[in-house]
Amino acid sequence: MARSINRRTFTASALATLTAPSLSLAQGANVLKFVPQTDVAVLDPVWTTTYPTRDHGYLVFDTLFGMDGQYKMSPQMLEGAATEADGKVWNLTLRAGLKFHDGSAVLARDCVASIKRWGARDAFGQALMAATDELSAPDDKTIRFRLKYPFPLLPDALGKASPNMCAMMPERLANTSPTERITEMVGSGPYRFLAGERVPGALIAYAKFDGYVPRSSGTPDWTAGPKVAHFERIEWRIMPDSNTALSALRAGEIDWWYSPDADLLPAIRRMNGVASKVIDPTGWISTMRLNHLVAPFDNAALRRVVLSAVSQADFMQGQTSERDLWKDGVGIFCPGTPMASDAGMEVLTKPRDLAALKKAVIDAGYKGEKVVVLGATDIASSRALSDVGADLLQKLGFNVDYQLMDWGTVVQRRAKTEPVEQGGWNVFHTFWSGTDHFTPAGHAFLRANGRNGAPGWPTVPALETMRDDWFKAPSAAAAAEVARKMQLLAFQEVPYVPLGQRFFPTAYRSNLTGMLNGNPVFWNIKRG
């Protein structure tokens, strides 16, 4: 029977164990205790682009393809994939033995419904569905795409490791409107969500799914290869207070702290029995998102002033003093990847003249409207970005109303399209994995399709046309040229402001082995 626990009881228990280090490692070698970035405010991995929800999603749900460390896709839930009709027909064949956590078999029609729901929300998915003439399940094992034109990136779309992940779920859940959240967590992944044990703000628990059948071949790498679960139970301990998490790590009360505050890294490196490393070599791209639907940032001239006022180094130094953990000079695409370029980068690298910029704000037509900046209190790096951003906007002469709340509330608040007087917003700051900014395909903040896009909702038809051109580019060089033009246009229309690239070491007990690179996953890892 699932136990029931309230937050007060849980917190008291957790604090008690912190005072008893002798108990720390004796509470079950088969339990992995993990501290995520923040609580999972939304459980549905299709409904939101937040990373904790994505990471939760990979525990519970599986995907048709997986991505390895070379960013290549391979079959995951699939036995194989074949094309015909010059690439305009794809037949995907499910592996034998796949089951959902409720005991039902995974059927092709479940996957079709799941793809359609995901494809209505995800940026890459929307491109795939726009290229799709018909998506069907001719039998229980076959998923068939009939395309309007060849779409060679189909595996990349279905296997993308960044939000929104293309999670396979039962048809009855996948038929839920993409605008509504799913709260019943039934997947076919390596772990089951223990709904009865969830304590919002304190605990999320998962149990190994004994019916999961890993792939029989391949090498575990990022989200690709066999997903072998070694722990019987995974516990996510929500610890908004960094000092509490630090004490828990030192005492052995937790096994893995995903993103420690930068100023605590020296202390962590001195701990016995604790290791740290960067597991995502693409880093996280820091961003400022402006709301295009309401004043004042419905005015492109004002958005351009903000872009030209940003010093990426200020935003990076606000998070960490370790120079090797950040880069500035970051454009629209992840540094060091084929689509990255220097096009228009002078807007971010030229010297700043605050007096001239304040005058430019007035000249652009600012009328003193309140500017609501949302800041998250429970993610130190996000709070640092918001602090620097709010301060910059104030220095530029904007009437800033800086509102602090937990990240889960930011996620819900940013979905509001109403004016600020009705609970809306103007600015929030967030991070994206570098993998999300490799290309225009999955770059959610580069979408400019209005209310069908991510919160901020820019409408720039020319940018959408360029995105379509990128998908149809005949060569890598042609695709790179389209991406260059997209960056130039993005610096004119400013769907968002890039703020730099951060690298985040993760901290864990040194007796853990098998931790994979990429986003945090919980298979392959075991206690040595």
Protein backbone atom coordinates (compact mmCIF):
# COMPACT_ATOMS: atom_id res chain seq x y z
CA MET A 1 0.00 0.00 0.00
CA ALA A 2 1.30 3.47 -0.92
CA ARG A 3 2.06 5.41 2.20
CA SER A 4 0.61 8.85 2.78
CA ILE A 5 2.69 11.63 4.26
CA ASN A 6 2.22 15.35 4.66
CA ARG A 7 4.84 18.01 4.13
CA ARG A 8 5.15 18.90 7.81
CA THR A 9 5.84 15.29 8.77
CA PHE A 10 8.27 14.85 5.90
CA THR A 11 10.19 18.03 6.69
CA ALA A 12 10.47 17.18 10.36
CA SER A 13 11.73 13.71 9.50
CA ALA A 14 14.26 15.08 7.02
CA LEU A 15 15.63 17.58 9.53
CA ALA A 16 15.88 14.87 12.15
CA THR A 17 17.98 12.68 9.90
CA LEU A 18 20.30 15.58 9.18
CA THR A 19 21.20 15.62 12.86
CA ALA A 20 22.02 11.90 12.79
CA PRO A 21 24.80 11.32 10.21
CA SER A 22 25.36 7.77 11.47
CA LEU A 23 22.09 6.80 9.84
CA SER A 24 22.88 8.52 6.58
CA LEU A 25 24.12 5.65 4.43
CA ALA A 26 22.27 2.85 6.19
CA GLN A 27 18.85 3.57 4.77
CA GLY A 28 18.93 1.30 1.75
CA ALA A 29 21.49 0.75 -0.95
CA ASN A 30 18.62 0.24 -3.38
CA VAL A 31 17.31 3.80 -2.97
CA LEU A 32 18.79 6.74 -4.88
CA LYS A 33 18.08 10.12 -3.28
CA PHE A 34 18.28 13.01 -5.70
CA VAL A 35 17.87 16.77 -5.27
CA PRO A 36 16.54 18.33 -8.50
CA GLN A 37 16.78 21.93 -9.59
CA THR A 38 13.34 22.56 -8.16
CA ASP A 39 10.02 20.87 -7.54
CA VAL A 40 7.98 19.53 -10.45
CA ALA A 41 5.04 21.91 -10.54
CA VAL A 42 3.65 20.31 -13.71
CA LEU A 43 3.85 16.54 -14.19
CA ASP A 44 2.86 16.46 -17.86
CA PRO A 45 6.09 16.50 -19.96
CA VAL A 46 4.17 17.58 -23.07
CA TRP A 47 2.41 20.55 -21.46
CA THR A 48 5.53 22.42 -20.28
CA THR A 49 9.13 22.98 -21.38
CA THR A 50 10.60 22.99 -17.85
CA TYR A 51 13.60 20.73 -17.30
CA PRO A 52 12.54 19.14 -13.98
CA THR A 53 9.34 18.01 -15.72
CA ARG A 54 11.39 16.65 -18.63
CA ASP A 55 13.67 14.76 -16.22
CA HIS A 56 10.65 13.36 -14.37
CA GLY A 57 9.22 12.43 -17.77
CA TYR A 58 12.22 10.28 -18.69
CA LEU A 59 11.75 8.23 -15.53
CA VAL A 60 8.09 7.47 -16.27
CA PHE A 61 7.81 7.57 -20.06
CA ASP A 62 9.82 6.10 -22.90
CA THR A 63 10.47 7.52 -26.37
CA LEU A 64 10.54 6.00 -29.84
CA PHE A 65 14.11 7.15 -30.47
CA GLY A 66 17.00 8.00 -28.16
CA MET A 67 19.85 10.48 -28.62
CA ASP A 68 23.52 9.64 -28.01
CA GLY A 69 26.45 11.88 -27.11
CA GLN A 70 27.11 12.62 -30.78
CA TYR A 71 23.52 13.94 -31.04
CA LYS A 72 22.58 11.03 -33.32
CA MET A 73 19.28 9.20 -33.02
CA SER A 74 18.79 5.45 -32.67
CA PRO A 75 15.66 3.31 -32.12
CA GLN A 76 14.58 3.09 -28.47
CA MET A 77 11.04 1.70 -28.22
CA LEU A 78 11.38 0.70 -31.85
CA GLU A 79 12.70 -2.46 -33.42
CA GLY A 80 13.53 -0.38 -36.45
CA ALA A 81 12.51 2.35 -38.87
CA ALA A 82 12.33 2.21 -42.67
CA THR A 83 11.50 4.72 -45.39
CA GLU A 84 10.01 4.34 -48.83
CA ALA A 85 8.56 6.50 -51.62
CA ASP A 86 11.72 8.65 -51.71
CA GLY A 87 11.48 9.41 -48.01
CA LYS A 88 7.81 10.40 -48.04
CA VAL A 89 6.71 7.30 -46.09
CA TRP A 90 8.17 6.19 -42.75
CA ASN A 91 7.25 2.87 -41.13
CA LEU A 92 8.26 2.59 -37.47
CA THR A 93 8.03 -0.89 -35.90
CA LEU A 94 7.63 -1.26 -32.12
CA ARG A 95 9.78 -3.71 -30.16
CA ALA A 96 8.12 -6.79 -28.68
CA GLY A 97 7.24 -6.89 -24.98
CA LEU A 98 6.58 -3.19 -24.36
CA LYS A 99 4.12 -2.59 -21.53
CA PHE A 100 2.57 0.38 -19.79
CA HIS A 101 2.67 0.64 -16.03
CA ASP A 102 -1.01 -0.35 -15.85
CA GLY A 103 -0.12 -3.70 -17.43
CA SER A 104 -1.54 -3.00 -20.89
CA ALA A 105 0.54 -3.58 -24.01
CA VAL A 106 2.01 -0.59 -25.83
CA LEU A 107 0.25 -0.45 -29.21
CA ALA A 108 0.92 1.64 -32.28
CA ARG A 109 -2.33 3.55 -31.82
CA ASP A 110 -1.12 4.67 -28.37
CA CYS A 111 1.99 6.07 -30.03
CA VAL A 112 0.03 7.78 -32.81
CA ALA A 113 -2.16 9.58 -30.27
CA SER A 114 0.92 10.51 -28.21
CA ILE A 115 2.74 11.92 -31.24
CA LYS A 116 -0.26 13.99 -32.28
CA ARG A 117 -0.67 15.52 -28.82
CA TRP A 118 3.05 16.29 -28.55
CA GLY A 119 3.15 17.61 -32.11
CA ALA A 120 0.54 20.22 -31.26
CA ARG A 121 2.78 21.81 -28.61
CA ASP A 122 6.44 21.19 -29.37
CA ALA A 123 8.29 23.46 -31.81
CA PHE A 124 10.03 20.59 -33.60
CA GLY A 125 6.85 18.52 -33.43
CA GLN A 126 4.86 21.27 -35.09
CA ALA A 127 7.29 21.23 -38.00
CA LEU A 128 6.99 17.47 -38.32
CA MET A 129 3.20 17.56 -38.21
CA ALA A 130 3.14 20.34 -40.81
CA ALA A 131 5.06 17.98 -43.11
CA THR A 132 2.73 15.05 -42.32
CA ASP A 133 -0.18 14.22 -44.61
CA GLU A 134 -1.34 11.21 -42.58
CA LEU A 135 -0.21 9.57 -39.33
CA SER A 136 -1.73 6.13 -38.75
CA ALA A 137 -1.39 2.73 -37.09
CA PRO A 138 -2.07 0.11 -39.79
CA ASP A 139 -1.50 -2.64 -37.19
CA ASP A 140 -0.58 -2.96 -33.51
CA LYS A 141 3.17 -2.74 -34.15
CA THR A 142 3.44 -0.24 -37.01
CA ILE A 143 3.40 3.57 -36.85
CA ARG A 144 3.17 5.05 -40.34
CA PHE A 145 3.91 8.60 -41.45
CA ARG A 146 2.79 9.62 -44.93
CA LEU A 147 4.53 12.93 -45.61
CA LYS A 148 3.79 15.83 -47.93
CA TYR A 149 7.51 16.10 -48.58
CA PRO A 150 10.62 14.29 -47.28
CA PHE A 151 11.43 15.06 -43.65
CA PRO A 152 14.78 13.37 -42.90
CA LEU A 153 14.84 14.87 -39.39
CA LEU A 154 11.85 12.74 -38.28
CA PRO A 155 13.95 10.62 -35.84
CA ASP A 156 15.53 13.82 -34.46
CA ALA A 157 12.08 15.21 -33.72
CA LEU A 158 10.71 12.07 -32.06
CA GLY A 159 13.89 11.42 -30.08
CA LYS A 160 14.86 14.94 -29.01
CA ALA A 161 16.11 14.91 -25.43
CA SER A 162 15.03 18.46 -24.75
CA PRO A 163 11.58 19.68 -23.76
CA ASN A 164 9.05 18.92 -24.87
CA MET A 165 10.00 15.24 -25.00
CA CYS A 166 7.82 13.03 -27.21
CA ALA A 167 6.54 10.83 -24.38
CA MET A 168 4.60 7.70 -25.29
CA MET A 169 1.49 7.20 -23.14
CA PRO A 170 -1.75 5.20 -23.38
CA GLU A 171 -4.20 6.40 -26.01
CA ARG A 172 -6.79 7.26 -23.36
CA LEU A 173 -4.36 9.79 -21.84
CA ALA A 174 -2.87 10.96 -25.11
CA ASN A 175 -6.35 11.89 -26.36
CA THR A 176 -6.39 14.64 -23.73
CA SER A 177 -6.39 18.08 -25.32
CA PRO A 178 -2.83 19.40 -25.70
CA THR A 179 -3.97 22.54 -23.88
CA GLU A 180 -4.96 20.52 -20.79
CA ARG A 181 -2.52 18.97 -18.35
CA ILE A 182 -2.36 15.24 -17.77
CA THR A 183 -2.06 14.37 -14.09
CA GLU A 184 -2.29 10.56 -14.25
CA MET A 185 1.23 9.33 -14.86
CA VAL A 186 1.07 6.04 -16.78
CA GLY A 187 4.04 5.46 -19.04
CA SER A 188 6.19 2.56 -20.19
CA GLY A 189 9.51 3.84 -18.85
CA PRO A 190 11.86 2.14 -16.40
CA TYR A 191 10.21 3.65 -13.29
CA ARG A 192 6.64 4.04 -12.02
CA PHE A 193 5.47 7.31 -10.50
CA LEU A 194 4.21 6.78 -6.93
CA ALA A 195 1.34 9.27 -6.86
CA GLY A 196 0.31 8.43 -3.30
CA GLU A 197 3.72 9.42 -1.95
CA ARG A 198 4.05 12.77 -3.63
CA VAL A 199 4.42 15.68 -1.23
CA PRO A 200 4.43 18.94 -3.21
CA GLY A 201 7.48 20.96 -2.26
CA ALA A 202 9.13 18.05 -0.46
CA LEU A 203 9.13 14.60 -2.07
CA ILE A 204 8.55 12.78 -5.36
CA ALA A 205 9.04 9.01 -5.41
CA TYR A 206 9.38 6.36 -8.12
CA ALA A 207 9.62 2.56 -8.06
CA LYS A 208 11.41 0.35 -10.55
CA PHE A 209 8.99 -1.00 -13.17
CA ASP A 210 9.59 -4.75 -13.23
CA GLY A 211 7.77 -5.02 -16.56
CA TYR A 212 10.24 -2.76 -18.37
CA VAL A 213 12.23 -4.50 -21.12
CA PRO A 214 15.46 -2.65 -22.00
CA ARG A 215 16.88 -2.78 -25.47
CA SER A 216 19.02 -5.86 -26.02
CA SER A 217 21.67 -4.00 -27.99
CA GLY A 218 23.47 -0.69 -28.06
CA THR A 219 25.52 1.31 -25.58
CA PRO A 220 23.92 3.49 -22.88
CA ASP A 221 24.68 7.08 -23.85
CA TRP A 222 22.54 10.14 -23.09
CA THR A 223 19.00 8.84 -23.76
CA ALA A 224 20.05 6.10 -26.20
CA GLY A 225 20.85 2.44 -25.64
CA PRO A 226 19.62 -0.04 -23.00
CA LYS A 227 17.90 1.58 -20.02
CA VAL A 228 18.82 -0.77 -17.18
CA ALA A 229 17.45 0.35 -13.81
CA HIS A 230 19.70 -0.72 -10.93
CA PHE A 231 17.91 1.09 -8.08
CA GLU A 232 14.60 -0.24 -6.78
CA ARG A 233 13.47 3.24 -5.77
CA ILE A 234 14.25 6.82 -6.74
CA GLU A 235 13.42 9.67 -4.37
CA TRP A 236 13.52 13.30 -5.39
CA ARG A 237 14.07 15.38 -2.27
CA ILE A 238 13.00 18.98 -2.85
CA MET A 239 15.41 21.27 -0.99
CA PRO A 240 14.98 24.94 -1.94
CA ASP A 241 17.49 25.95 0.74
CA SER A 242 21.00 25.35 -0.59
CA ASN A 243 22.58 25.06 2.83
CA THR A 244 20.16 22.28 3.71
CA ALA A 245 21.10 20.43 0.53
CA LEU A 246 24.80 20.98 1.23
CA SER A 247 24.44 19.56 4.73
CA ALA A 248 22.47 16.60 3.41
CA LEU A 249 25.16 15.85 0.82
CA ARG A 250 27.92 16.07 3.44
CA ALA A 251 26.01 13.78 5.82
CA GLY A 252 25.21 11.24 3.12
CA GLU A 253 21.47 11.87 3.36
CA ILE A 254 21.31 12.45 -0.38
CA ASP A 255 23.23 10.78 -3.18
CA TRP A 256 23.05 13.36 -5.96
CA TRP A 257 22.53 17.13 -6.00
CA TYR A 258 21.88 18.11 -9.59
CA SER A 259 22.77 21.81 -9.68
CA PRO A 260 24.54 23.16 -6.59
CA ASP A 261 24.90 26.92 -6.26
CA ALA A 262 28.11 28.12 -7.83
CA ASP A 263 29.40 29.67 -4.59
CA LEU A 264 29.14 26.28 -2.84
CA LEU A 265 31.30 24.40 -5.35
CA PRO A 266 34.58 25.02 -3.47
CA ALA A 267 33.08 23.48 -0.32
CA ILE A 268 31.73 20.53 -2.29
CA ARG A 269 35.12 19.88 -3.89
CA ARG A 270 36.64 19.60 -0.41
CA MET A 271 34.12 16.97 0.78
CA ASN A 272 35.25 13.41 1.34
CA GLY A 273 33.27 10.86 -0.61
CA VAL A 274 31.78 13.46 -2.97
CA ALA A 275 32.60 14.07 -6.63
CA SER A 276 31.50 16.76 -9.08
CA LYS A 277 31.58 17.10 -12.85
CA VAL A 278 29.81 18.80 -15.76
CA ILE A 279 27.53 16.21 -17.38
CA ASP A 280 26.08 18.49 -20.08
CA PRO A 281 28.94 19.68 -22.32
CA THR A 282 26.58 21.94 -24.27
CA GLY A 283 25.92 23.99 -21.14
CA TRP A 284 22.81 26.02 -20.46
CA ILE A 285 21.96 29.12 -22.47
CA SER A 286 20.67 31.95 -20.28
CA THR A 287 17.80 33.96 -21.75
CA MET A 288 15.56 36.97 -21.08
CA ARG A 289 12.08 36.47 -22.50
CA LEU A 290 9.97 39.52 -23.32
CA ASN A 291 6.18 39.41 -23.62
CA HIS A 292 5.20 40.57 -27.13
CA LEU A 293 1.47 40.67 -26.41
CA VAL A 294 1.34 43.55 -23.92
CA ALA A 295 2.94 46.97 -23.52
CA PRO A 296 5.66 48.05 -23.45
CA PHE A 297 7.48 45.17 -25.19
CA ASP A 298 4.90 44.84 -27.92
CA ASN A 299 7.05 47.67 -29.31
CA ALA A 300 10.00 46.22 -31.31
CA ALA A 301 12.03 49.42 -30.91
CA LEU A 302 11.98 49.03 -27.13
CA ARG A 303 12.95 45.38 -27.42
CA ARG A 304 15.95 46.40 -29.51
CA VAL A 305 17.04 48.92 -26.87
CA VAL A 306 17.00 46.21 -24.21
CA LEU A 307 19.00 43.86 -26.45
CA SER A 308 21.62 46.51 -27.13
CA ALA A 309 21.87 47.33 -23.40
CA VAL A 310 22.70 43.79 -22.30
CA SER A 311 26.19 42.86 -21.18
CA GLN A 312 26.27 39.07 -21.17
CA ALA A 313 29.31 39.12 -18.89
CA ASP A 314 27.24 40.92 -16.21
CA PHE A 315 24.59 38.20 -16.32
CA MET A 316 27.21 35.44 -16.18
CA GLN A 317 29.23 37.01 -13.37
CA GLY A 318 26.00 37.41 -11.43
CA GLN A 319 25.87 33.63 -11.28
CA THR A 320 29.49 32.57 -10.77
CA SER A 321 32.95 34.01 -10.27
CA GLU A 322 34.57 30.96 -11.94
CA ARG A 323 35.49 32.22 -15.40
CA ASP A 324 35.85 28.74 -16.89
CA LEU A 325 32.18 28.02 -16.15
CA TRP A 326 30.72 30.60 -18.57
CA LYS A 327 30.98 32.16 -22.01
CA ASP A 328 29.74 35.44 -23.40
CA GLY A 329 29.49 36.41 -27.06
CA VAL A 330 26.59 33.97 -27.39
CA GLY A 331 24.14 34.46 -30.24
CA ILE A 332 20.94 32.70 -31.20
CA PHE A 333 22.54 29.25 -31.66
CA CYS A 334 24.69 27.24 -29.25
CA PRO A 335 28.39 28.22 -29.53
CA GLY A 336 30.58 25.75 -31.36
CA THR A 337 27.73 24.15 -33.31
CA PRO A 338 27.26 24.31 -37.11
CA MET A 339 24.45 26.89 -37.06
CA ALA A 340 26.27 29.38 -34.79
CA SER A 341 27.65 32.50 -36.50
CA ASP A 342 28.89 36.03 -35.87
CA ALA A 343 26.02 37.59 -37.84
CA GLY A 344 24.93 40.83 -36.18
CA MET A 345 26.83 40.01 -32.97
CA GLU A 346 28.13 43.56 -32.64
CA VAL A 347 24.78 44.44 -31.04
CA LEU A 348 25.85 42.31 -28.07
CA THR A 349 29.56 43.09 -28.04
CA LYS A 350 29.87 46.84 -28.64
CA PRO A 351 30.45 49.24 -25.69
CA ARG A 352 27.40 50.37 -23.71
CA ASP A 353 26.40 54.00 -23.19
CA LEU A 354 23.74 54.04 -20.46
CA ALA A 355 22.80 57.69 -20.93
CA ALA A 356 22.27 57.18 -24.65
CA LEU A 357 20.28 54.01 -24.00
CA LYS A 358 17.98 55.76 -21.50
CA LYS A 359 17.28 58.39 -24.12
CA ALA A 360 16.67 55.65 -26.70
CA VAL A 361 13.98 54.17 -24.40
CA ILE A 362 12.11 57.50 -24.40
CA ASP A 363 12.66 58.03 -28.13
CA ALA A 364 11.24 54.56 -28.82
CA GLY A 365 7.94 55.63 -27.27
CA TYR A 366 8.02 54.29 -23.70
CA LYS A 367 5.15 55.85 -21.72
CA GLY A 368 6.01 54.73 -18.21
CA GLU A 369 4.02 51.47 -18.27
CA LYS A 370 4.66 49.10 -15.39
CA VAL A 371 7.12 46.35 -16.30
CA VAL A 372 6.47 43.17 -14.28
CA VAL A 373 9.61 41.05 -14.00
CA LEU A 374 9.08 37.54 -12.63
CA GLY A 375 11.91 36.08 -10.54
CA ALA A 376 12.34 32.58 -9.08
CA THR A 377 13.52 32.38 -5.49
CA ASP A 378 14.24 28.64 -5.38
CA ILE A 379 16.81 28.39 -8.21
CA ALA A 380 19.87 30.46 -7.35
CA SER A 381 21.11 30.88 -10.92
CA SER A 382 17.69 31.87 -12.18
CA ARG A 383 17.33 34.36 -9.33
CA ALA A 384 20.73 35.82 -10.23
CA LEU A 385 19.65 36.33 -13.84
CA SER A 386 16.42 37.98 -12.73
CA ASP A 387 18.22 40.26 -10.27
CA VAL A 388 20.62 41.49 -12.96
CA GLY A 389 17.83 41.83 -15.52
CA ALA A 390 15.51 43.77 -13.22
CA ASP A 391 18.37 46.08 -12.24
CA LEU A 392 19.27 46.72 -15.89
CA LEU A 393 15.68 47.57 -16.79
CA GLN A 394 15.49 49.99 -13.86
CA LYS A 395 18.71 51.67 -14.98
CA LEU A 396 17.22 52.09 -18.44
CA GLY A 397 14.32 54.01 -16.91
CA PHE A 398 11.60 51.37 -16.95
CA ASN A 399 8.98 51.33 -14.19
CA VAL A 400 9.94 47.90 -12.86
CA ASP A 401 7.73 45.81 -10.59
CA TYR A 402 10.02 42.92 -9.59
CA GLN A 403 7.92 40.02 -8.29
CA LEU A 404 9.62 37.06 -6.61
CA MET A 405 8.04 33.62 -6.32
CA ASP A 406 9.03 29.94 -6.58
CA TRP A 407 9.79 28.56 -10.04
CA GLY A 408 6.63 26.48 -10.14
CA THR A 409 4.58 29.65 -9.75
CA VAL A 410 6.64 31.38 -12.45
CA VAL A 411 5.82 28.51 -14.81
CA GLN A 412 2.10 28.93 -14.17
CA ARG A 413 2.18 32.73 -14.17
CA ARG A 414 4.06 32.98 -17.47
CA ALA A 415 1.22 31.13 -19.22
CA LYS A 416 -1.05 34.15 -18.64
CA THR A 417 -1.63 36.30 -21.72
CA GLU A 418 -3.58 39.02 -19.90
CA PRO A 419 -2.22 42.54 -19.21
CA VAL A 420 -0.19 43.01 -16.06
CA GLU A 421 -3.18 44.63 -14.32
CA GLN A 422 -4.94 41.27 -14.68
CA GLY A 423 -2.10 39.09 -13.43
CA GLY A 424 0.05 39.11 -16.56
CA TRP A 425 3.78 39.75 -16.91
CA ASN A 426 6.41 41.41 -19.10
CA VAL A 427 9.74 39.67 -18.50
CA PHE A 428 11.07 36.41 -17.13
CA HIS A 429 14.49 34.76 -17.28
CA THR A 430 15.24 31.10 -17.84
CA PHE A 431 17.81 28.60 -19.11
CA TRP A 432 17.84 26.28 -22.09
CA SER A 433 20.15 23.35 -22.59
CA GLY A 434 22.57 24.05 -25.41
CA THR A 435 20.98 21.11 -27.24
CA ASP A 436 17.78 23.17 -27.51
CA HIS A 437 19.68 25.86 -29.41
CA PHE A 438 21.56 23.69 -31.91
CA THR A 439 19.19 24.42 -34.80
CA PRO A 440 15.91 26.22 -35.56
CA ALA A 441 14.12 22.86 -35.28
CA GLY A 442 13.67 22.67 -31.52
CA HIS A 443 14.53 26.26 -30.61
CA ALA A 444 11.28 27.21 -28.85
CA PHE A 445 12.23 30.85 -28.20
CA LEU A 446 13.05 31.33 -31.89
CA ARG A 447 9.53 30.39 -32.90
CA ALA A 448 7.50 33.42 -33.98
CA ASN A 449 4.06 31.86 -34.45
CA GLY A 450 2.17 34.03 -31.99
CA ARG A 451 -0.13 32.42 -29.47
CA ASN A 452 0.74 28.95 -30.74
CA GLY A 453 4.29 29.41 -29.47
CA ALA A 454 5.94 29.49 -26.06
CA PRO A 455 5.10 32.17 -23.47
CA GLY A 456 6.20 35.51 -24.88
CA TRP A 457 4.26 34.78 -28.07
CA PRO A 458 6.16 36.76 -30.75
CA THR A 459 4.59 37.01 -34.20
CA VAL A 460 7.16 37.40 -36.99
CA PRO A 461 5.98 35.74 -40.23
CA ALA A 462 9.35 36.25 -41.95
CA LEU A 463 11.12 34.33 -39.17
CA GLU A 464 8.67 31.45 -39.55
CA THR A 465 9.25 31.44 -43.32
CA MET A 466 13.00 31.24 -42.76
CA ARG A 467 12.47 28.33 -40.38
CA ASP A 468 10.56 26.48 -43.09
CA ASP A 469 13.37 27.27 -45.52
CA TRP A 470 15.89 25.80 -43.08
CA PHE A 471 14.05 22.47 -42.98
CA LYS A 472 14.09 22.33 -46.78
CA ALA A 473 17.69 23.51 -47.25
CA PRO A 474 19.46 21.28 -49.82
CA SER A 475 22.81 21.22 -47.99
CA ALA A 476 24.47 21.90 -44.66
CA ALA A 477 26.00 25.08 -46.07
CA ALA A 478 22.60 26.28 -47.27
CA ALA A 479 21.09 25.51 -43.85
CA ALA A 480 23.87 27.48 -42.13
CA GLU A 481 23.18 30.47 -44.38
CA VAL A 482 19.49 30.39 -43.49
CA ALA A 483 20.44 30.21 -39.80
CA ARG A 484 22.69 33.25 -40.26
CA LYS A 485 19.79 35.22 -41.73
CA MET A 486 17.53 34.07 -38.90
CA GLN A 487 19.99 35.44 -36.35
CA LEU A 488 20.08 38.82 -38.11
CA LEU A 489 16.28 39.00 -38.14
CA ALA A 490 16.04 37.82 -34.53
CA PHE A 491 18.31 40.71 -33.49
CA GLN A 492 15.84 43.07 -35.19
CA GLU A 493 12.61 41.57 -33.85
CA VAL A 494 14.05 40.30 -30.51
CA PRO A 495 11.87 37.29 -29.67
CA TYR A 496 14.22 36.92 -26.68
CA VAL A 497 17.60 38.16 -25.49
CA PRO A 498 20.53 35.67 -25.24
CA LEU A 499 22.46 36.25 -22.02
CA GLY A 500 25.40 33.84 -22.25
CA GLN A 501 26.29 30.18 -21.72
CA ARG A 502 26.77 28.55 -18.30
CA PHE A 503 28.26 25.18 -17.40
CA PHE A 504 26.84 23.56 -14.28
CA PRO A 505 28.81 20.93 -12.35
CA THR A 506 26.64 18.33 -10.65
CA ALA A 507 27.59 16.84 -7.26
CA TYR A 508 27.17 13.21 -6.18
CA ARG A 509 28.45 10.55 -3.82
CA SER A 510 31.66 9.19 -5.30
CA ASN A 511 30.47 5.60 -4.87
CA LEU A 512 27.96 6.14 -7.68
CA THR A 513 29.08 4.82 -11.06
CA GLY A 514 27.55 4.81 -14.52
CA MET A 515 26.18 8.35 -14.50
CA LEU A 516 25.48 9.28 -18.12
CA ASN A 517 26.14 12.60 -19.79
CA GLY A 518 23.31 14.85 -20.92
CA ASN A 519 20.18 15.54 -18.92
CA PRO A 520 19.96 13.66 -15.61
CA VAL A 521 18.72 10.11 -16.18
CA PHE A 522 18.36 7.35 -13.63
CA TRP A 523 19.18 4.18 -15.52
CA ASN A 524 22.71 2.73 -15.84
CA ILE A 525 23.72 4.47 -12.61
CA LYS A 526 24.45 2.23 -9.62
CA ARG A 527 26.21 2.20 -6.29
CA GLY A 528 29.72 0.80 -6.38
